[in-house]
C-alpha atoms as a PDB file:
ATOM      1  CA  UNK A   1     120.909 122.610 166.904  1.00  0.00           C
ATOM      2  CA  UNK A   2     121.351 119.282 165.527  1.00  0.00           C
ATOM      3  CA  UNK A   3     118.037 118.921 165.198  1.00  0.00           C
ATOM      4  CA  UNK A   4     116.868 121.564 163.535  1.00  0.00           C
ATOM      5  CA  UNK A   5     119.176 121.103 160.738  1.00  0.00           C
ATOM      6  CA  UNK A   6     117.955 117.566 160.221  1.00  0.00           C
ATOM      7  CA  UNK A   7     114.583 119.439 160.038  1.00  0.00           C
ATOM      8  CA  UNK A   8     115.571 121.951 157.399  1.00  0.00           C
ATOM      9  CA  UNK A   9     116.757 118.929 155.178  1.00  0.00           C
ATOM     10  CA  UNK A  10     113.987 117.705 155.503  1.00  0.00           C
ATOM     11  CA  UNK A  11     111.264 120.018 154.385  1.00  0.00           C
ATOM     12  CA  UNK A  12     113.630 121.385 152.056  1.00  0.00           C
ATOM     13  CA  UNK A  13     114.115 117.535 150.455  1.00  0.00           C
ATOM     14  CA  UNK A  14     117.732 118.476 150.664  1.00  0.00           C
ATOM     15  CA  UNK A  15     118.551 115.489 152.720  1.00  0.00           C
ATOM     16  CA  UNK A  16     116.750 111.846 152.583  1.00  0.00           C
ATOM     17  CA  UNK A  17     117.669 108.942 155.167  1.00  0.00           C
ATOM     18  CA  UNK A  18     119.987 105.973 152.880  1.00  0.00           C
ATOM     19  CA  UNK A  19     118.080 103.229 153.735  1.00  0.00           C
ATOM     20  CA  UNK A  20     119.005 100.624 156.518  1.00  0.00           C
ATOM     21  CA  UNK A  21     119.090  97.697 158.010  1.00  0.00           C
ATOM     22  CA  UNK A  22     116.508  98.750 161.390  1.00  0.00           C
ATOM     23  CA  UNK A  23     118.182  97.182 164.569  1.00  0.00           C
ATOM     24  CA  UNK A  24     116.239  97.932 168.489  1.00  0.00           C
ATOM     25  CA  UNK A  25     113.439  97.460 169.729  1.00  0.00           C
ATOM     26  CA  UNK A  26     111.321  99.946 167.353  1.00  0.00           C
ATOM     27  CA  UNK A  27     107.576  99.337 167.495  1.00  0.00           C
ATOM     28  CA  UNK A  28     106.489  97.934 164.372  1.00  0.00           C
ATOM     29  CA  UNK A  29     102.977  99.680 164.690  1.00  0.00           C
ATOM     30  CA  UNK A  30     103.220 103.119 164.109  1.00  0.00           C
ATOM     31  CA  UNK A  31      99.932 103.672 165.347  1.00  0.00           C
ATOM     32  CA  UNK A  32      99.471 106.290 168.050  1.00  0.00           C
ATOM     33  CA  UNK A  33      95.436 107.303 167.675  1.00  0.00           C
ATOM     34  CA  UNK A  34      93.659 104.756 165.675  1.00  0.00           C
ATOM     35  CA  UNK A  35      95.342 104.616 161.826  1.00  0.00           C
ATOM     36  CA  UNK A  36      98.708 105.291 160.582  1.00  0.00           C
ATOM     37  CA  UNK A  37      98.423 108.677 159.477  1.00  0.00           C
ATOM     38  CA  UNK A  38     100.438 111.886 158.769  1.00  0.00           C
ATOM     39  CA  UNK A  39     100.291 113.347 162.323  1.00  0.00           C
ATOM     40  CA  UNK A  40     101.158 109.884 163.598  1.00  0.00           C
ATOM     41  CA  UNK A  41     104.348 109.984 161.434  1.00  0.00           C
ATOM     42  CA  UNK A  42     105.255 113.292 162.754  1.00  0.00           C
ATOM     43  CA  UNK A  43     104.412 113.369 166.419  1.00  0.00           C
ATOM     44  CA  UNK A  44     107.335 110.468 165.774  1.00  0.00           C
ATOM     45  CA  UNK A  45     109.421 111.898 164.261  1.00  0.00           C
ATOM     46  CA  UNK A  46     109.405 115.006 166.434  1.00  0.00           C
ATOM     47  CA  UNK A  47     110.035 112.417 169.275  1.00  0.00           C
ATOM     48  CA  UNK A  48     113.223 110.879 167.286  1.00  0.00           C
ATOM     49  CA  UNK A  49     114.770 113.867 165.831  1.00  0.00           C
ATOM     50  CA  UNK A  50     113.840 115.242 169.294  1.00  0.00           C
ATOM     51  CA  UNK A  51     115.991 112.027 171.393  1.00  0.00           C
ATOM     52  CA  UNK A  52     118.972 112.577 168.204  1.00  0.00           C
ATOM     53  CA  UNK A  53     117.901 108.558 167.486  1.00  0.00           C
ATOM     54  CA  UNK A  54     119.227 108.713 164.129  1.00  0.00           C
ATOM     55  CA  UNK A  55     119.113 105.411 163.499  1.00  0.00           C
ATOM     56  CA  UNK A  56     114.685 105.168 164.604  1.00  0.00           C
ATOM     57  CA  UNK A  57     114.527 108.014 162.593  1.00  0.00           C
ATOM     58  CA  UNK A  58     115.878 106.383 159.258  1.00  0.00           C
ATOM     59  CA  UNK A  59     113.476 103.405 160.035  1.00  0.00           C
ATOM     60  CA  UNK A  60     110.745 105.122 160.578  1.00  0.00           C
ATOM     61  CA  UNK A  61     111.581 107.365 157.294  1.00  0.00           C
ATOM     62  CA  UNK A  62     112.159 104.369 154.958  1.00  0.00           C
ATOM     63  CA  UNK A  63     108.988 102.907 156.307  1.00  0.00           C
ATOM     64  CA  UNK A  64     106.372 105.356 156.559  1.00  0.00           C
ATOM     65  CA  UNK A  65     107.626 108.239 155.083  1.00  0.00           C
ATOM     66  CA  UNK A  66     107.368 108.253 151.872  1.00  0.00           C
ATOM     67  CA  UNK A  67     104.105 107.201 151.471  1.00  0.00           C
ATOM     68  CA  UNK A  68     103.111 109.460 154.391  1.00  0.00           C
ATOM     69  CA  UNK A  69     102.068 112.905 153.066  1.00  0.00           C
ATOM     70  CA  UNK A  70     100.017 116.102 154.654  1.00  0.00           C
ATOM     71  CA  UNK A  71      96.993 115.685 152.224  1.00  0.00           C
ATOM     72  CA  UNK A  72      96.748 111.906 153.220  1.00  0.00           C
ATOM     73  CA  UNK A  73      95.334 113.788 156.288  1.00  0.00           C
ATOM     74  CA  UNK A  74      91.821 114.254 157.235  1.00  0.00           C
ATOM     75  CA  UNK A  75      92.157 117.521 159.505  1.00  0.00           C
ATOM     76  CA  UNK A  76      95.287 118.458 162.155  1.00  0.00           C
ATOM     77  CA  UNK A  77      94.672 119.498 165.707  1.00  0.00           C
ATOM     78  CA  UNK A  78      97.760 122.279 166.962  1.00  0.00           C
ATOM     79  CA  UNK A  79      97.811 123.680 170.414  1.00  0.00           C
ATOM     80  CA  UNK A  80      98.531 127.417 170.026  1.00  0.00           C
ATOM     81  CA  UNK A  81     100.123 129.633 172.115  1.00  0.00           C
ATOM     82  CA  UNK A  82      99.495 133.391 172.564  1.00  0.00           C
ATOM     83  CA  UNK A  83     101.656 135.119 174.975  1.00  0.00           C
ATOM     84  CA  UNK A  84     100.605 133.052 178.497  1.00  0.00           C
ATOM     85  CA  UNK A  85      97.657 131.767 176.876  1.00  0.00           C
ATOM     86  CA  UNK A  86      96.814 129.221 174.185  1.00  0.00           C
ATOM     87  CA  UNK A  87      93.967 127.710 172.323  1.00  0.00           C
ATOM     88  CA  UNK A  88      93.160 124.833 169.487  1.00  0.00           C
ATOM     89  CA  UNK A  89      93.552 125.328 166.223  1.00  0.00           C
ATOM     90  CA  UNK A  90      92.179 122.756 163.839  1.00  0.00           C
ATOM     91  CA  UNK A  91      92.805 122.253 160.441  1.00  0.00           C
ATOM     92  CA  UNK A  92      92.256 120.883 157.221  1.00  0.00           C
ATOM     93  CA  UNK A  93      94.557 122.822 154.721  1.00  0.00           C
ATOM     94  CA  UNK A  94      96.931 120.528 153.005  1.00  0.00           C
ATOM     95  CA  UNK A  95      99.115 123.359 153.419  1.00  0.00           C
ATOM     96  CA  UNK A  96      98.279 125.064 156.671  1.00  0.00           C
ATOM     97  CA  UNK A  97      98.837 121.445 157.757  1.00  0.00           C
ATOM     98  CA  UNK A  98     102.168 121.821 156.792  1.00  0.00           C
ATOM     99  CA  UNK A  99     103.405 125.617 157.597  1.00  0.00           C
ATOM    100  CA  UNK A 100     101.898 124.126 161.044  1.00  0.00           C
ATOM    101  CA  UNK A 101     104.126 121.607 161.172  1.00  0.00           C
ATOM    102  CA  UNK A 102     106.933 124.275 160.332  1.00  0.00           C
ATOM    103  CA  UNK A 103     106.103 126.667 162.437  1.00  0.00           C
ATOM    104  CA  UNK A 104     106.568 123.739 165.317  1.00  0.00           C
ATOM    105  CA  UNK A 105     109.713 123.020 164.485  1.00  0.00           C
ATOM    106  CA  UNK A 106     110.534 126.567 163.897  1.00  0.00           C
ATOM    107  CA  UNK A 107     111.078 126.350 160.217  1.00  0.00           C
ATOM    108  CA  UNK A 108     108.830 129.435 159.789  1.00  0.00           C
ATOM    109  CA  UNK A 109     107.433 131.991 161.704  1.00  0.00           C
ATOM    110  CA  UNK A 110     104.034 132.038 161.162  1.00  0.00           C
ATOM    111  CA  UNK A 111     100.358 133.174 162.855  1.00  0.00           C
ATOM    112  CA  UNK A 112      96.987 131.876 161.861  1.00  0.00           C
ATOM    113  CA  UNK A 113      94.533 134.264 160.482  1.00  0.00           C
ATOM    114  CA  UNK A 114      90.764 133.018 160.629  1.00  0.00           C
ATOM    115  CA  UNK A 115      87.626 132.899 161.147  1.00  0.00           C
ATOM    116  CA  UNK A 116      85.813 133.127 164.347  1.00  0.00           C
ATOM    117  CA  UNK A 117      82.714 131.252 164.497  1.00  0.00           C
ATOM    118  CA  UNK A 118      81.127 130.855 168.366  1.00  0.00           C
ATOM    119  CA  UNK A 119      81.318 127.641 169.907  1.00  0.00           C
ATOM    120  CA  UNK A 120      84.247 125.302 171.114  1.00  0.00           C
ATOM    121  CA  UNK A 121      83.060 123.213 168.212  1.00  0.00           C
ATOM    122  CA  UNK A 122      83.957 120.157 171.146  1.00  0.00           C
ATOM    123  CA  UNK A 123      87.942 120.811 170.348  1.00  0.00           C
ATOM    124  CA  UNK A 124      88.860 124.930 171.362  1.00  0.00           C
ATOM    125  CA  UNK A 125      90.607 123.953 175.291  1.00  0.00           C
ATOM    126  CA  UNK A 126      93.021 126.869 175.990  1.00  0.00           C
ATOM    127  CA  UNK A 127      94.556 128.289 179.026  1.00  0.00           C
ATOM    128  CA  UNK A 128      93.159 132.066 179.786  1.00  0.00           C
ATOM    129  CA  UNK A 129      90.740 133.957 181.360  1.00  0.00           C
ATOM    130  CA  UNK A 130      90.925 137.922 182.673  1.00  0.00           C
ATOM    131  CA  UNK A 131      94.248 139.114 183.998  1.00  0.00           C
ATOM    132  CA  UNK A 132      94.745 136.915 187.713  1.00  0.00           C
ATOM    133  CA  UNK A 133      92.148 135.072 187.409  1.00  0.00           C
ATOM    134  CA  UNK A 134      93.454 132.917 184.032  1.00  0.00           C
ATOM    135  CA  UNK A 135      92.019 128.582 183.895  1.00  0.00           C
ATOM    136  CA  UNK A 136      92.163 125.785 181.212  1.00  0.00           C
ATOM    137  CA  UNK A 137      88.739 126.083 179.679  1.00  0.00           C
ATOM    138  CA  UNK A 138      86.449 125.672 176.822  1.00  0.00           C
ATOM    139  CA  UNK A 139      86.467 129.236 174.595  1.00  0.00           C
ATOM    140  CA  UNK A 140      83.256 130.141 173.236  1.00  0.00           C
ATOM    141  CA  UNK A 141      84.546 130.078 169.787  1.00  0.00           C
ATOM    142  CA  UNK A 142      87.078 128.428 167.434  1.00  0.00           C
ATOM    143  CA  UNK A 143      88.967 129.465 164.067  1.00  0.00           C
ATOM    144  CA  UNK A 144      87.351 127.968 161.507  1.00  0.00           C
ATOM    145  CA  UNK A 145      89.171 124.815 159.860  1.00  0.00           C
ATOM    146  CA  UNK A 146      88.141 125.040 155.964  1.00  0.00           C
ATOM    147  CA  UNK A 147      89.251 129.097 155.596  1.00  0.00           C
ATOM    148  CA  UNK A 148      91.858 129.219 158.349  1.00  0.00           C
ATOM    149  CA  UNK A 149      95.784 130.043 156.765  1.00  0.00           C
ATOM    150  CA  UNK A 150      98.833 130.583 158.413  1.00  0.00           C
ATOM    151  CA  UNK A 151     100.228 133.427 157.129  1.00  0.00           C
ATOM    152  CA  UNK A 152     103.362 136.102 157.785  1.00  0.00           C
ATOM    153  CA  UNK A 153     101.643 139.257 157.670  1.00  0.00           C
ATOM    154  CA  UNK A 154      97.993 140.616 158.765  1.00  0.00           C
ATOM    155  CA  UNK A 155      95.976 143.827 159.643  1.00  0.00           C
ATOM    156  CA  UNK A 156      96.700 144.629 163.629  1.00  0.00           C
ATOM    157  CA  UNK A 157      92.930 144.933 163.934  1.00  0.00           C
ATOM    158  CA  UNK A 158      92.571 141.039 164.368  1.00  0.00           C
ATOM    159  CA  UNK A 159      94.963 141.126 166.842  1.00  0.00           C
ATOM    160  CA  UNK A 160      94.545 139.734 170.354  1.00  0.00           C
ATOM    161  CA  UNK A 161      94.554 137.304 172.854  1.00  0.00           C
ATOM    162  CA  UNK A 162      92.536 134.295 173.078  1.00  0.00           C
ATOM    163  CA  UNK A 163      90.754 135.609 175.877  1.00  0.00           C
ATOM    164  CA  UNK A 164      90.220 139.292 173.687  1.00  0.00           C
ATOM    165  CA  UNK A 165      87.879 137.393 171.586  1.00  0.00           C
ATOM    166  CA  UNK A 166      85.707 135.718 173.998  1.00  0.00           C
ATOM    167  CA  UNK A 167      85.760 139.384 175.489  1.00  0.00           C
ATOM    168  CA  UNK A 168      84.755 140.282 172.333  1.00  0.00           C
ATOM    169  CA  UNK A 169      87.501 142.990 171.905  1.00  0.00           C
ATOM    170  CA  UNK A 170      88.602 142.169 167.943  1.00  0.00           C
ATOM    171  CA  UNK A 171      87.240 144.521 165.261  1.00  0.00           C
ATOM    172  CA  UNK A 172      86.479 142.191 163.634  1.00  0.00           C
ATOM    173  CA  UNK A 173      85.268 138.297 162.260  1.00  0.00           C
ATOM    174  CA  UNK A 174      88.463 137.324 162.066  1.00  0.00           C
ATOM    175  CA  UNK A 175      91.379 136.244 164.203  1.00  0.00           C
ATOM    176  CA  UNK A 176      95.074 137.298 163.634  1.00  0.00           C
ATOM    177  CA  UNK A 177      97.310 137.371 166.601  1.00  0.00           C
ATOM    178  CA  UNK A 178     100.506 137.737 166.196  1.00  0.00           C
ATOM    179  CA  UNK A 179     102.543 136.427 168.927  1.00  0.00           C
ATOM    180  CA  UNK A 180     101.110 133.061 168.075  1.00  0.00           C
ATOM    181  CA  UNK A 181     103.401 129.982 168.082  1.00  0.00           C
ATOM    182  CA  UNK A 182     102.489 126.387 167.914  1.00  0.00           C
ATOM    183  CA  UNK A 183     103.794 124.766 170.733  1.00  0.00           C
ATOM    184  CA  UNK A 184     101.738 120.898 170.465  1.00  0.00           C
ATOM    185  CA  UNK A 185     100.859 118.417 168.072  1.00  0.00           C
ATOM    186  CA  UNK A 186      97.378 118.015 169.129  1.00  0.00           C
ATOM    187  CA  UNK A 187      95.114 119.251 172.138  1.00  0.00           C
ATOM    188  CA  UNK A 188      94.157 118.913 175.477  1.00  0.00           C
ATOM    189  CA  UNK A 189      90.291 118.556 176.519  1.00  0.00           C
ATOM    190  CA  UNK A 190      91.238 118.691 179.843  1.00  0.00           C
ATOM    191  CA  UNK A 191      93.783 120.703 181.396  1.00  0.00           C
ATOM    192  CA  UNK A 192      97.902 119.220 181.514  1.00  0.00           C
ATOM    193  CA  UNK A 193     100.231 118.870 184.269  1.00  0.00           C
ATOM    194  CA  UNK A 194     101.108 122.794 182.986  1.00  0.00           C
ATOM    195  CA  UNK A 195     100.020 125.963 184.944  1.00  0.00           C
ATOM    196  CA  UNK A 196      97.748 128.340 183.603  1.00  0.00           C
ATOM    197  CA  UNK A 197      98.770 131.230 182.803  1.00  0.00           C
ATOM    198  CA  UNK A 198     101.591 129.639 180.859  1.00  0.00           C
ATOM    199  CA  UNK A 199     105.314 130.689 180.755  1.00  0.00           C
ATOM    200  CA  UNK A 200     105.492 132.916 177.932  1.00  0.00           C
ATOM    201  CA  UNK A 201     107.978 131.362 174.919  1.00  0.00           C
END
């Protein structure tokens, strides 16, 4: 509960950690993937809030947080779970990136709404398939990174499981899974340790 309160206060800019003298074995380099960027900051931020290591959290915020913002990220990958299936969402829109983090932290109830494009584009890897035959796979489609948004409401015509998109069950070229929840920052590219089908959230 405390981590939710902290994340909410930060997102509303109602609480900014006070400067502290960092103590302990903090990494001097925040780089997790080749460059210090918004994703690195939030990955470590999520870890420290989860562990309630508030001194480390203060250190990260004071050292990196004020110079990193959603517009500094070229794009962000999110793992999206829909019932017991999943897909990878890549977005380059700063507002959508911010909403994605809010959804991941449990602050906003939103779901993807975007244009379906053929091909996995090398990133749309997830869990799903026909009932009784679900497995980790690259989907043969992805959502348009430039135009996909996270929204509160959308029409039922575009609601489906990822496997429904794969089978062509959608009644439009748009995909808007109502049950979607961002469950991870980043996306797998090979079968993770988690079994498919996924446990319901």
